[in-house]
Amino acid sequence: MKKLVKGIDASPGVAIGKVFLYTEVELKIDKNKIDDTEKEKSRLLLGREKTKEQLLLIRDKTAKKLGEDKASIFDGHITLLEDEDLFEEIVELIENDEISAEYAMTQGIEGYCEMLANIEDEYLRERATDLRDIAKRWLYNISGRAIVDLSSLPKDTVVVAKDLTPSDTAQLDLINVVAFVTEIGGKTAHSSIMARSLELPAVVGTGNVCSQLKNGDLVIVDALKGEVIVEPNDEEISKYMEKRKKYFDGIELLKKLKDMEAISKDGIKIGTWANIGDPKDVAGVLRNGGLGIGLYRTEFLFMNSDKFPTEDEQFEAYKSVAESMEGKPVTIRTMDIGGDKCLPYMEIPKEENPFLGWRALRICLDRPEILKTQFRALLRASAYGYVKIMLPMIISLDEIRKSKVIFEECKIELKEAGLKYDETTQLGIMVETPAVAFRAKYFAKEVDFFSIGTNDLTQYTLAVDRGNENISKLYNSYNPAVLQAIKMSIDGAHEGGISISMCGEFAGDEEATALLFGMGLDAFSMSSISVPKIKKNIMSLEKKECEALVERVLSKATTEEVMEEVKAFNKKYLS
């Protein structure tokens, strides 16, 4: 009898193949006290050295297969592996508790993973998976056990596992593996990111799928809907083969749009930009036809360091992005630390409500030397491309005015030092709080541009912690109150004579394109992979029809009514 397993569509596509259950024998770890701690420390070190050799080989293969931007994932793995604080912590466990290298390593790693798992930011939470990837390989190398080889599997294989680590994904044989399915994971896991780069269909977060399947089962992986059909009949196979063909035809069309601008049927040009967190991400922006960067999250530059990055270090990072984009807009957000993002070298007081606390620009205005260093670096980078600077977490005009004073001081200092910068560099703000959305036209008179951060705007408008699983179902950007806040922000920007983009997740939601276009959004900024689809949507729309959709939607009373109206419109105009 046919079964249907539901999960998350992590990497789009449709595939038909036979199951290979990827399971590993769990190592039995001796938890008894040991006699020779020196021997265990030596085993720990040798295991680390062997793990590093393997990761370097995987990195090299990934660079050849996917390019340097994806191979850089393993630079992060190696950095974690070589973290001396972590290593010393494990050594101390061996010495103080007189336990084996394996037991000490699992104890030390798990502590780090628990810390990461409790962080609200999904991207950072997924880094716990990276650490467990390293730990598994390190553990096997200490114990002298071989890791299962995924590079030589039979033709038309669908790999099914509890989880796939980035190094597992990098080793998949793309000639024979047609998809993968995992019990856990999310869209921002590195394995999901790599799957999208490999154009390998993937469904994750399926729960207990491994217990529902056996080796050799025929399955259809519909990674467009996040479904796995088990033991399909001939009619279903035929239906999904047609769906697969239609999907690939669509992909070919999207590739043709790569170098085209997003211009609607009635001639309105809309910016289609991408979000990045690292200079290495620029390759993905260009590959997917992004015509600008609407959000460069600079906090990762701060978080990947053991001290505040210097002005020169920041300058080099910003300059490389500006040069790579060759005159296209690059919007760089100032440090957004606090809330769920901390720096090991900066003491941030424990707060009951960190998302409403000392974070982002609030920190920078209290510690102006941080903002001043970053402003100087950003201004210097503006001499090498079209750099725009954006301030996060604004609630008052006073914050903007204080920031502008520091900004102008930095310009004077650079001029006196004979350092080049673009005197017309724009200073804008994120619209993330109702405080700005409700009075947008007044804020628009103080800055050069707006960018809506829908993740926080939704959270603050609805008073819903988006990281709280108990209430996550209440977090929805289609809520009428959130849509009203977005519309007020767009209208306020235009009334104040400035442009407005959106860099939250909502911008990359294909269902929302017509609604946001109808509201008057000037530019969409999203994950690189979403750029071609949003371009295609904009090219299929006319402003008048979309404005009528907005009028209907804003008259709706509930989120469900809004989504029903939006889906009906999209079915008519975008399907």
Protein backbone atom coordinates (compact mmCIF):
# COMPACT_ATOMS: atom_id res chain seq x y z
CA MET A 1 0.00 0.00 0.00
CA LYS A 2 1.28 3.45 -0.96
CA LYS A 3 2.54 5.69 1.85
CA LEU A 4 3.09 9.44 1.86
CA VAL A 5 5.84 10.95 4.03
CA LYS A 6 5.84 14.72 4.54
CA GLY A 7 8.82 16.96 5.28
CA ILE A 8 10.51 20.23 4.29
CA ASP A 9 11.41 21.03 0.67
CA ALA A 10 15.10 21.83 1.26
CA SER A 11 16.34 21.64 -2.34
CA PRO A 12 13.85 21.70 -5.24
CA GLY A 13 13.31 18.97 -7.81
CA VAL A 14 11.57 15.66 -8.49
CA ALA A 15 13.35 12.30 -8.45
CA ILE A 16 12.44 8.61 -8.67
CA GLY A 17 14.75 5.94 -7.28
CA LYS A 18 15.45 3.14 -4.83
CA VAL A 19 16.20 3.67 -1.17
CA PHE A 20 19.67 3.32 0.33
CA LEU A 21 19.35 3.53 4.11
CA TYR A 22 22.43 5.33 5.37
CA THR A 23 22.87 4.17 8.93
CA GLU A 24 26.02 3.93 10.97
CA VAL A 25 26.82 1.49 13.73
CA GLU A 26 26.94 3.46 16.93
CA LEU A 27 30.31 3.22 18.60
CA LYS A 28 30.30 1.80 22.11
CA ILE A 29 32.25 4.26 24.21
CA ASP A 30 34.05 3.05 27.31
CA LYS A 31 32.99 5.31 30.18
CA ASN A 32 35.18 3.66 32.79
CA LYS A 33 38.24 5.31 34.27
CA ILE A 34 41.50 4.74 32.39
CA ASP A 35 45.08 4.37 33.62
CA ASP A 36 47.15 6.04 30.91
CA THR A 37 45.94 9.62 30.30
CA GLU A 38 49.00 10.44 28.16
CA LYS A 39 48.06 7.63 25.76
CA GLU A 40 44.50 8.99 25.49
CA LYS A 41 45.73 12.53 24.80
CA SER A 42 47.97 11.15 22.06
CA ARG A 43 45.02 9.25 20.51
CA LEU A 44 42.96 12.43 20.63
CA LEU A 45 45.66 14.42 18.82
CA LEU A 46 46.30 11.74 16.17
CA GLY A 47 42.56 11.50 15.53
CA ARG A 48 42.38 15.25 15.04
CA GLU A 49 45.30 15.22 12.59
CA LYS A 50 43.72 12.41 10.53
CA THR A 51 40.37 14.24 10.53
CA LYS A 52 42.04 17.39 9.23
CA GLU A 53 43.68 15.43 6.38
CA GLN A 54 40.29 13.99 5.38
CA LEU A 55 38.56 17.39 5.52
CA LEU A 56 41.26 18.94 3.32
CA LEU A 57 40.67 16.20 0.73
CA ILE A 58 36.90 16.72 0.88
CA ARG A 59 37.44 20.47 0.57
CA ASP A 60 39.55 19.96 -2.55
CA LYS A 61 36.90 17.72 -4.15
CA THR A 62 34.15 20.20 -3.28
CA ALA A 63 36.11 23.10 -4.80
CA LYS A 64 36.44 21.18 -8.07
CA LYS A 65 32.78 20.12 -8.05
CA LEU A 66 31.03 23.25 -6.69
CA GLY A 67 33.59 26.04 -6.58
CA GLU A 68 35.47 27.85 -3.85
CA ASP A 69 32.40 29.48 -2.30
CA LYS A 70 30.92 26.11 -1.27
CA ALA A 71 34.31 24.56 -0.48
CA SER A 72 34.81 27.33 2.09
CA ILE A 73 32.28 25.50 4.30
CA PHE A 74 35.11 23.12 5.14
CA ASP A 75 37.44 25.98 6.03
CA GLY A 76 34.97 26.63 8.82
CA HIS A 77 35.02 22.94 9.77
CA ILE A 78 38.80 22.94 9.97
CA THR A 79 38.76 26.13 12.05
CA LEU A 80 36.37 24.46 14.51
CA LEU A 81 38.53 21.34 14.56
CA GLU A 82 41.63 23.40 15.37
CA ASP A 83 39.90 25.44 18.11
CA GLU A 84 42.47 25.21 20.89
CA ASP A 85 39.96 26.18 23.59
CA LEU A 86 37.81 23.20 22.63
CA PHE A 87 40.83 20.90 22.40
CA GLU A 88 42.14 21.99 25.81
CA GLU A 89 38.70 21.47 27.32
CA ILE A 90 38.69 17.86 26.07
CA VAL A 91 42.25 17.32 27.30
CA GLU A 92 41.24 18.61 30.74
CA LEU A 93 38.36 16.13 30.83
CA ILE A 94 40.82 13.30 30.06
CA GLU A 95 43.23 14.46 32.77
CA ASN A 96 40.76 15.43 35.50
CA ASP A 97 38.13 12.71 35.05
CA GLU A 98 40.60 10.02 33.86
CA ILE A 99 38.35 9.03 30.96
CA SER A 100 39.01 7.81 27.41
CA ALA A 101 39.65 10.17 24.49
CA GLU A 102 36.35 9.09 22.90
CA TYR A 103 34.28 9.77 26.03
CA ALA A 104 35.99 13.10 26.73
CA MET A 105 35.52 14.23 23.14
CA THR A 106 31.80 13.41 23.05
CA GLN A 107 31.34 15.24 26.38
CA GLY A 108 33.23 18.35 25.23
CA ILE A 109 31.60 18.55 21.79
CA GLU A 110 28.08 18.01 23.13
CA GLY A 111 28.47 21.00 25.46
CA TYR A 112 29.30 23.24 22.49
CA CYS A 113 26.43 21.78 20.43
CA GLU A 114 23.89 22.40 23.19
CA MET A 115 24.99 26.02 23.37
CA LEU A 116 24.52 26.47 19.61
CA ALA A 117 21.19 24.58 19.60
CA ASN A 118 19.71 27.10 22.04
CA ILE A 119 20.49 30.11 19.82
CA GLU A 120 17.41 31.60 18.15
CA ASP A 121 19.07 32.36 14.81
CA GLU A 122 18.37 29.37 12.52
CA TYR A 123 21.63 29.78 10.60
CA LEU A 124 23.69 29.64 13.79
CA ARG A 125 21.61 26.77 15.22
CA GLU A 126 22.43 24.72 12.14
CA ARG A 127 26.15 25.13 12.89
CA ALA A 128 25.67 22.55 15.65
CA THR A 129 25.26 20.06 12.78
CA ASP A 130 28.67 21.09 11.43
CA LEU A 131 30.25 20.50 14.83
CA ARG A 132 28.63 17.07 15.11
CA ASP A 133 29.94 16.27 11.61
CA ILE A 134 33.47 17.00 12.79
CA ALA A 135 32.89 15.08 16.03
CA LYS A 136 31.67 11.94 14.23
CA ARG A 137 34.68 11.89 11.93
CA TRP A 138 37.08 12.64 14.79
CA LEU A 139 35.50 9.92 16.94
CA TYR A 140 35.78 7.31 14.19
CA ASN A 141 39.40 8.26 13.57
CA ILE A 142 40.28 7.94 17.27
CA SER A 143 38.62 4.52 17.37
CA GLY A 144 40.13 3.34 14.09
CA ARG A 145 36.72 2.71 12.48
CA ALA A 146 35.99 3.36 8.80
CA ILE A 147 33.31 5.87 7.77
CA VAL A 148 30.61 4.64 5.33
CA ASP A 149 31.53 5.52 1.73
CA LEU A 150 28.80 7.41 -0.14
CA SER A 151 30.83 7.97 -3.29
CA SER A 152 30.02 4.65 -5.02
CA LEU A 153 26.31 3.86 -4.82
CA PRO A 154 24.05 2.10 -7.37
CA LYS A 155 22.27 3.96 -10.20
CA ASP A 156 19.09 5.89 -9.29
CA THR A 157 19.74 5.84 -5.54
CA VAL A 158 17.78 7.92 -3.02
CA VAL A 159 19.87 8.24 0.14
CA VAL A 160 17.70 8.12 3.27
CA ALA A 161 19.27 8.96 6.63
CA LYS A 162 18.59 10.43 10.04
CA ASP A 163 20.80 13.34 8.96
CA LEU A 164 23.44 14.11 6.37
CA THR A 165 26.44 16.20 7.32
CA PRO A 166 28.12 18.59 4.87
CA SER A 167 30.97 16.13 4.34
CA ASP A 168 28.45 13.33 3.63
CA THR A 169 26.70 15.53 1.07
CA ALA A 170 29.98 16.57 -0.57
CA GLN A 171 30.86 12.91 -1.17
CA LEU A 172 27.58 11.87 -2.80
CA ASP A 173 28.00 10.31 -6.24
CA LEU A 174 25.98 12.67 -8.41
CA ILE A 175 25.94 10.28 -11.35
CA ASN A 176 23.99 7.68 -9.40
CA VAL A 177 22.40 9.52 -6.45
CA VAL A 178 19.19 11.27 -7.56
CA ALA A 179 17.97 12.70 -4.22
CA PHE A 180 18.26 12.47 -0.46
CA VAL A 181 15.78 12.39 2.42
CA THR A 182 16.57 13.01 6.09
CA GLU A 183 14.66 12.80 9.35
CA ILE A 184 16.02 16.07 10.75
CA GLY A 185 17.44 19.31 9.33
CA GLY A 186 16.20 22.58 7.88
CA LYS A 187 16.59 24.77 4.80
CA THR A 188 19.61 26.62 6.23
CA ALA A 189 21.62 23.49 7.12
CA HIS A 190 24.87 23.36 5.15
CA SER A 191 23.83 19.99 3.67
CA SER A 192 20.64 21.65 2.34
CA ILE A 193 22.62 24.62 1.01
CA MET A 194 25.03 22.23 -0.73
CA ALA A 195 22.15 20.17 -2.13
CA ARG A 196 20.75 23.31 -3.76
CA SER A 197 24.18 24.06 -5.25
CA LEU A 198 24.40 20.49 -6.54
CA GLU A 199 20.82 20.82 -7.89
CA LEU A 200 20.06 17.62 -5.98
CA PRO A 201 16.44 17.25 -4.78
CA ALA A 202 16.22 16.98 -1.00
CA VAL A 203 13.42 16.62 1.54
CA VAL A 204 14.42 17.05 5.20
CA GLY A 205 12.70 17.09 8.58
CA THR A 206 10.57 14.02 7.81
CA GLY A 207 10.50 12.64 11.37
CA ASN A 208 10.92 8.86 11.57
CA VAL A 209 11.24 8.11 7.85
CA CYS A 210 14.08 5.59 8.35
CA SER A 211 11.79 3.27 10.30
CA GLN A 212 9.17 3.46 7.53
CA LEU A 213 11.50 2.42 4.69
CA LYS A 214 13.84 -0.42 3.85
CA ASN A 215 16.70 -0.80 1.37
CA GLY A 216 15.46 -1.15 -2.19
CA ASP A 217 12.03 0.48 -1.69
CA LEU A 218 10.94 2.47 -4.74
CA VAL A 219 10.19 6.10 -3.84
CA ILE A 220 9.31 9.36 -5.52
CA VAL A 221 10.92 12.41 -3.92
CA ASP A 222 8.80 15.47 -4.62
CA ALA A 223 11.10 18.18 -3.26
CA LEU A 224 8.84 20.87 -4.70
CA LYS A 225 6.16 20.03 -2.11
CA GLY A 226 8.34 18.34 0.54
CA GLU A 227 6.83 14.88 0.06
CA VAL A 228 8.06 11.31 -0.39
CA ILE A 229 5.74 8.81 -2.09
CA VAL A 230 6.59 5.22 -1.11
CA GLU A 231 6.01 2.31 -3.56
CA PRO A 232 4.10 4.38 -6.16
CA ASN A 233 1.98 2.71 -8.85
CA ASP A 234 2.55 3.09 -12.61
CA GLU A 235 0.07 5.95 -12.90
CA GLU A 236 1.85 7.92 -10.16
CA ILE A 237 5.26 7.25 -11.69
CA SER A 238 4.03 8.57 -15.04
CA LYS A 239 2.48 11.66 -13.37
CA TYR A 240 5.69 12.53 -11.52
CA MET A 241 7.91 11.94 -14.54
CA GLU A 242 5.81 14.59 -16.31
CA LYS A 243 6.13 16.88 -13.28
CA ARG A 244 9.90 16.34 -13.34
CA LYS A 245 10.07 17.28 -17.05
CA LYS A 246 7.99 20.41 -16.43
CA TYR A 247 10.30 21.39 -13.57
CA PHE A 248 13.44 21.08 -15.74
CA ASP A 249 11.78 23.06 -18.55
CA GLY A 250 11.16 25.80 -15.97
CA ILE A 251 14.78 25.68 -14.82
CA GLU A 252 16.00 26.22 -18.38
CA LEU A 253 13.73 29.25 -18.66
CA LEU A 254 15.08 30.67 -15.39
CA LYS A 255 18.66 30.29 -16.65
CA LYS A 256 17.79 32.48 -19.62
CA LEU A 257 16.69 35.21 -17.18
CA LYS A 258 20.07 35.31 -15.41
CA ASP A 259 21.40 38.49 -17.02
CA MET A 260 18.03 40.14 -17.57
CA GLU A 261 16.51 42.87 -15.44
CA ALA A 262 13.18 42.34 -13.68
CA ILE A 263 10.77 44.50 -15.69
CA SER A 264 7.02 43.98 -15.35
CA LYS A 265 4.67 43.55 -18.32
CA ASP A 266 3.78 47.24 -18.05
CA GLY A 267 7.43 48.36 -18.02
CA ILE A 268 8.18 48.87 -14.31
CA LYS A 269 11.76 48.01 -13.35
CA ILE A 270 12.24 46.33 -9.97
CA GLY A 271 15.52 45.57 -8.19
CA THR A 272 16.28 41.87 -7.69
CA TRP A 273 19.08 41.62 -5.18
CA ALA A 274 20.52 38.98 -2.86
CA ASN A 275 21.51 38.71 0.80
CA ILE A 276 24.99 37.60 1.87
CA GLY A 277 26.86 36.97 5.12
CA ASP A 278 30.39 36.62 3.77
CA PRO A 279 32.40 37.92 0.79
CA LYS A 280 32.57 34.34 -0.50
CA ASP A 281 28.77 34.40 -1.00
CA VAL A 282 29.12 36.90 -3.87
CA ALA A 283 29.82 34.06 -6.33
CA GLY A 284 26.33 32.67 -5.69
CA VAL A 285 24.77 36.11 -6.17
CA LEU A 286 26.38 36.53 -9.59
CA ARG A 287 25.69 32.93 -10.61
CA ASN A 288 21.97 33.42 -9.96
CA GLY A 289 21.72 36.79 -11.68
CA GLY A 290 21.46 39.00 -8.60
CA LEU A 291 21.73 42.62 -9.73
CA GLY A 292 22.80 43.93 -6.36
CA ILE A 293 23.20 43.03 -2.69
CA GLY A 294 20.37 44.25 -0.50
CA LEU A 295 21.85 42.98 2.75
CA TYR A 296 25.43 42.16 3.71
CA ARG A 297 25.25 40.87 7.29
CA THR A 298 28.54 42.10 8.75
CA GLU A 299 28.03 40.42 12.14
CA PHE A 300 29.56 37.21 10.77
CA LEU A 301 32.80 39.13 10.24
CA PHE A 302 32.72 39.93 13.96
CA MET A 303 31.61 36.46 15.05
CA ASN A 304 34.29 34.62 13.08
CA SER A 305 37.06 36.49 14.91
CA ASP A 306 38.58 36.28 18.39
CA LYS A 307 38.65 40.09 18.68
CA PHE A 308 36.98 43.12 17.16
CA PRO A 309 38.09 43.22 13.50
CA THR A 310 40.29 46.22 12.79
CA GLU A 311 39.38 49.00 10.38
CA ASP A 312 41.75 47.55 7.76
CA GLU A 313 40.37 44.02 8.18
CA GLN A 314 36.83 45.30 7.74
CA PHE A 315 37.84 47.52 4.83
CA GLU A 316 39.34 44.57 2.93
CA ALA A 317 36.16 42.50 3.38
CA TYR A 318 33.82 45.30 2.26
CA LYS A 319 36.12 46.34 -0.57
CA SER A 320 36.25 42.80 -2.01
CA VAL A 321 32.44 42.66 -2.17
CA ALA A 322 32.15 46.16 -3.68
CA GLU A 323 34.72 45.34 -6.37
CA SER A 324 33.17 41.95 -7.16
CA MET A 325 29.75 43.53 -7.77
CA GLU A 326 31.25 45.91 -10.37
CA GLY A 327 29.17 49.01 -9.70
CA LYS A 328 25.95 47.24 -8.68
CA PRO A 329 24.50 48.37 -5.33
CA VAL A 330 25.95 46.74 -2.21
CA THR A 331 23.94 47.49 0.95
CA ILE A 332 26.03 46.78 4.04
CA ARG A 333 24.39 46.61 7.46
CA THR A 334 26.34 47.80 10.48
CA MET A 335 27.05 45.32 13.28
CA ASP A 336 23.85 43.60 14.45
CA ILE A 337 25.08 41.84 17.58
CA GLY A 338 22.90 41.05 20.59
CA GLY A 339 19.62 39.19 20.88
CA ASP A 340 20.69 35.68 19.88
CA LYS A 341 24.11 36.66 18.48
CA CYS A 342 27.00 37.12 20.91
CA LEU A 343 30.73 37.78 20.64
CA PRO A 344 33.10 35.70 22.79
CA TYR A 345 35.34 38.76 23.31
CA MET A 346 32.55 41.17 24.27
CA GLU A 347 30.60 41.03 27.50
CA ILE A 348 26.87 41.45 26.94
CA PRO A 349 24.78 41.37 30.12
CA LYS A 350 22.26 38.55 30.50
CA GLU A 351 18.79 39.94 29.82
CA GLU A 352 15.29 38.56 30.31
CA ASN A 353 14.23 39.79 26.85
CA PRO A 354 17.43 40.03 24.75
CA PHE A 355 15.49 40.75 21.53
CA LEU A 356 14.11 43.85 23.22
CA GLY A 357 17.38 44.65 24.91
CA TRP A 358 20.90 45.95 24.35
CA ARG A 359 21.55 45.02 20.74
CA ALA A 360 22.54 46.26 17.28
CA LEU A 361 22.74 50.07 16.99
CA ARG A 362 21.98 50.45 20.70
CA ILE A 363 25.33 48.82 21.48
CA CYS A 364 27.11 50.88 18.83
CA LEU A 365 25.79 54.21 20.10
CA ASP A 366 26.84 53.29 23.64
CA ARG A 367 30.21 52.13 22.30
CA PRO A 368 30.72 54.68 19.48
CA GLU A 369 34.28 53.48 18.79
CA ILE A 370 32.74 50.28 17.31
CA LEU A 371 30.50 52.25 14.95
CA LYS A 372 33.22 54.74 14.10
CA THR A 373 35.66 52.00 13.06
CA GLN A 374 33.01 50.36 10.93
CA PHE A 375 31.86 53.63 9.33
CA ARG A 376 35.46 54.48 8.38
CA ALA A 377 36.00 51.04 6.83
CA LEU A 378 32.70 51.24 4.94
CA LEU A 379 33.40 54.73 3.63
CA ARG A 380 36.87 53.68 2.44
CA ALA A 381 35.30 50.72 0.62
CA SER A 382 32.85 53.09 -1.09
CA ALA A 383 35.75 54.28 -3.29
CA TYR A 384 35.74 50.82 -4.93
CA GLY A 385 32.06 50.35 -5.77
CA TYR A 386 28.47 51.38 -5.08
CA VAL A 387 28.31 50.98 -1.28
CA LYS A 388 25.20 51.86 0.74
CA ILE A 389 25.27 51.77 4.56
CA MET A 390 22.32 50.57 6.62
CA LEU A 391 21.57 50.93 10.35
CA PRO A 392 19.64 48.15 12.13
CA MET A 393 17.09 48.13 14.98
CA ILE A 394 15.98 51.77 14.79
CA ILE A 395 13.11 53.10 16.91
CA SER A 396 13.76 56.86 17.07
CA LEU A 397 14.92 59.83 15.02
CA ASP A 398 17.42 60.56 17.79
CA GLU A 399 19.30 57.32 17.01
CA ILE A 400 19.59 58.30 13.36
CA ARG A 401 20.78 61.82 14.17
CA LYS A 402 23.44 60.59 16.60
CA SER A 403 24.64 58.09 13.97
CA LYS A 404 24.80 60.82 11.31
CA VAL A 405 27.01 62.97 13.56
CA ILE A 406 29.49 60.09 13.87
CA PHE A 407 29.17 59.43 10.12
CA GLU A 408 30.07 63.02 9.25
CA GLU A 409 32.99 62.99 11.72
CA CYS A 410 34.38 59.93 9.95
CA LYS A 411 34.17 61.69 6.57
CA ILE A 412 36.14 64.66 7.95
CA GLU A 413 38.79 62.35 9.44
CA LEU A 414 39.23 60.42 6.20
CA LYS A 415 39.48 63.63 4.19
CA GLU A 416 42.14 64.99 6.56
CA ALA A 417 44.06 61.70 6.31
CA GLY A 418 43.96 61.85 2.51
CA LEU A 419 41.94 58.60 2.24
CA LYS A 420 39.49 58.19 -0.65
CA TYR A 421 35.74 57.66 -0.23
CA ASP A 422 32.54 58.39 -2.14
CA GLU A 423 31.11 61.61 -0.71
CA THR A 424 27.63 60.65 -1.94
CA THR A 425 27.56 57.38 0.03
CA GLN A 426 23.98 56.77 1.18
CA LEU A 427 22.98 56.10 4.79
CA GLY A 428 19.72 54.22 5.28
CA ILE A 429 17.88 52.22 7.92
CA MET A 430 16.21 48.87 8.43
CA VAL A 431 12.47 49.03 9.04
CA GLU A 432 12.16 46.34 11.68
CA THR A 433 10.03 47.92 14.38
CA PRO A 434 6.45 49.23 14.48
CA ALA A 435 7.95 52.46 15.84
CA VAL A 436 9.40 53.16 12.37
CA ALA A 437 6.61 51.59 10.28
CA PHE A 438 3.89 53.70 11.93
CA ARG A 439 5.78 57.00 11.34
CA ALA A 440 7.71 56.05 8.20
CA LYS A 441 7.21 59.35 6.38
CA TYR A 442 8.99 61.22 9.20
CA PHE A 443 11.92 58.81 9.26
CA ALA A 444 12.16 59.00 5.45
CA LYS A 445 13.07 62.69 5.70
CA GLU A 446 16.18 61.80 7.76
CA VAL A 447 17.74 59.02 5.64
CA ASP A 448 18.53 58.06 2.05
CA PHE A 449 16.67 54.73 1.84
CA PHE A 450 14.68 52.09 3.73
CA SER A 451 14.95 48.30 3.77
CA ILE A 452 12.21 46.27 5.44
CA GLY A 453 13.44 43.44 7.65
CA THR A 454 10.28 41.33 7.72
CA ASN A 455 11.68 38.71 10.11
CA ASP A 456 11.85 41.19 13.01
CA LEU A 457 8.99 43.42 11.82
CA THR A 458 6.68 40.38 11.92
CA GLN A 459 8.02 39.32 15.31
CA TYR A 460 7.63 42.74 16.90
CA THR A 461 4.28 43.57 15.29
CA LEU A 462 2.71 40.30 16.44
CA ALA A 463 4.61 40.05 19.76
CA VAL A 464 5.64 36.52 18.75
CA ASP A 465 9.10 35.08 19.44
CA ARG A 466 9.81 33.39 16.11
CA GLY A 467 12.25 30.99 17.79
CA ASN A 468 9.69 29.72 20.30
CA GLU A 469 8.32 26.42 18.99
CA ASN A 470 5.23 26.65 21.22
CA ILE A 471 3.97 29.74 19.40
CA SER A 472 5.81 29.58 16.06
CA LYS A 473 2.49 28.89 14.28
CA LEU A 474 1.43 32.43 15.22
CA TYR A 475 4.42 33.91 13.34
CA ASN A 476 3.17 34.72 9.85
CA SER A 477 4.05 37.68 7.63
CA TYR A 478 0.66 37.35 5.87
CA ASN A 479 -1.05 38.50 9.06
CA PRO A 480 -3.13 41.58 8.14
CA ALA A 481 -1.39 43.70 10.80
CA VAL A 482 2.06 42.89 9.37
CA LEU A 483 0.89 43.61 5.82
CA GLN A 484 -0.51 46.94 7.01
CA ALA A 485 2.86 47.77 8.61
CA ILE A 486 4.65 46.90 5.34
CA LYS A 487 2.25 49.05 3.29
CA MET A 488 2.67 51.99 5.68
CA SER A 489 6.45 51.67 5.42
CA ILE A 490 6.38 51.68 1.61
CA ASP A 491 3.93 54.58 1.41
CA GLY A 492 5.96 56.54 3.99
CA ALA A 493 9.21 56.01 2.09
CA HIS A 494 7.71 57.24 -1.17
CA GLU A 495 6.02 60.19 0.51
CA GLY A 496 9.43 61.13 1.93
CA GLY A 497 11.02 60.81 -1.52
CA ILE A 498 13.24 57.75 -0.89
CA SER A 499 13.40 54.19 -2.23
CA ILE A 500 12.48 51.11 -0.22
CA SER A 501 13.56 47.48 -0.54
CA MET A 502 12.88 44.36 1.51
CA CYS A 503 15.61 42.03 2.75
CA GLY A 504 13.63 39.73 5.06
CA GLU A 505 12.62 36.16 4.17
CA PHE A 506 9.27 37.44 2.87
CA ALA A 507 11.04 39.00 -0.14
CA GLY A 508 12.03 35.54 -1.41
CA ASP A 509 8.54 34.07 -0.92
CA GLU A 510 7.23 33.42 -4.44
CA GLU A 511 3.64 33.62 -3.21
CA ALA A 512 4.22 37.19 -1.96
CA THR A 513 5.76 38.73 -5.12
CA ALA A 514 2.53 40.12 -6.59
CA LEU A 515 1.38 41.47 -3.23
CA LEU A 516 4.66 43.31 -2.54
CA PHE A 517 4.92 44.58 -6.11
CA GLY A 518 1.38 45.91 -5.83
CA MET A 519 2.26 47.68 -2.58
CA GLY A 520 5.01 49.56 -4.42
CA LEU A 521 8.19 47.83 -3.20
CA ASP A 522 11.17 49.08 -5.24
CA ALA A 523 13.52 46.11 -4.75
CA PHE A 524 13.45 42.54 -3.44
CA SER A 525 16.54 41.11 -1.70
CA MET A 526 16.63 37.40 -0.85
CA SER A 527 18.66 34.21 -0.84
CA SER A 528 20.60 33.99 -4.11
CA ILE A 529 18.80 30.84 -5.24
CA SER A 530 15.43 32.66 -5.12
CA VAL A 531 16.46 35.52 -7.43
CA PRO A 532 15.57 33.90 -10.81
CA LYS A 533 12.09 32.86 -9.62
CA ILE A 534 11.25 36.31 -8.27
CA LYS A 535 12.50 37.86 -11.54
CA LYS A 536 10.22 35.54 -13.50
CA ASN A 537 7.25 36.45 -11.32
CA ILE A 538 7.79 40.20 -11.74
CA MET A 539 8.06 39.80 -15.53
CA SER A 540 4.64 38.10 -15.50
CA LEU A 541 2.81 40.85 -13.60
CA GLU A 542 1.12 44.17 -14.25
CA LYS A 543 1.04 46.84 -11.55
CA LYS A 544 -2.66 47.69 -11.89
CA GLU A 545 -3.76 44.09 -11.28
CA CYS A 546 -1.41 43.79 -8.31
CA GLU A 547 -2.64 47.05 -6.78
CA ALA A 548 -6.19 45.70 -6.98
CA LEU A 549 -4.96 42.55 -5.17
CA VAL A 550 -3.49 44.70 -2.40
CA GLU A 551 -6.77 46.57 -1.97
CA ARG A 552 -8.67 43.29 -1.62
CA VAL A 553 -6.09 41.77 0.73
CA LEU A 554 -5.94 44.75 3.10
CA SER A 555 -9.72 44.51 3.55
CA LYS A 556 -9.44 40.92 4.85
CA ALA A 557 -9.88 40.19 8.54
CA THR A 558 -7.71 37.07 9.01
CA THR A 559 -4.42 35.57 7.85
CA GLU A 560 -6.32 32.64 6.31
CA GLU A 561 -8.51 34.96 4.22
CA VAL A 562 -5.42 36.86 3.05
CA MET A 563 -3.61 33.70 1.96
CA GLU A 564 -6.68 32.40 0.17
CA GLU A 565 -6.94 35.64 -1.82
CA VAL A 566 -3.21 35.64 -2.65
CA LYS A 567 -3.23 32.00 -3.77
CA ALA A 568 -6.22 32.55 -6.05
CA PHE A 569 -4.46 35.51 -7.69
CA ASN A 570 -1.19 33.61 -8.14
CA LYS A 571 -2.98 30.62 -9.63
CA LYS A 572 -4.47 32.93 -12.25
CA TYR A 573 -1.43 35.06 -13.07
CA LEU A 574 1.72 33.14 -12.06
CA SER A 575 1.05 29.41 -12.47
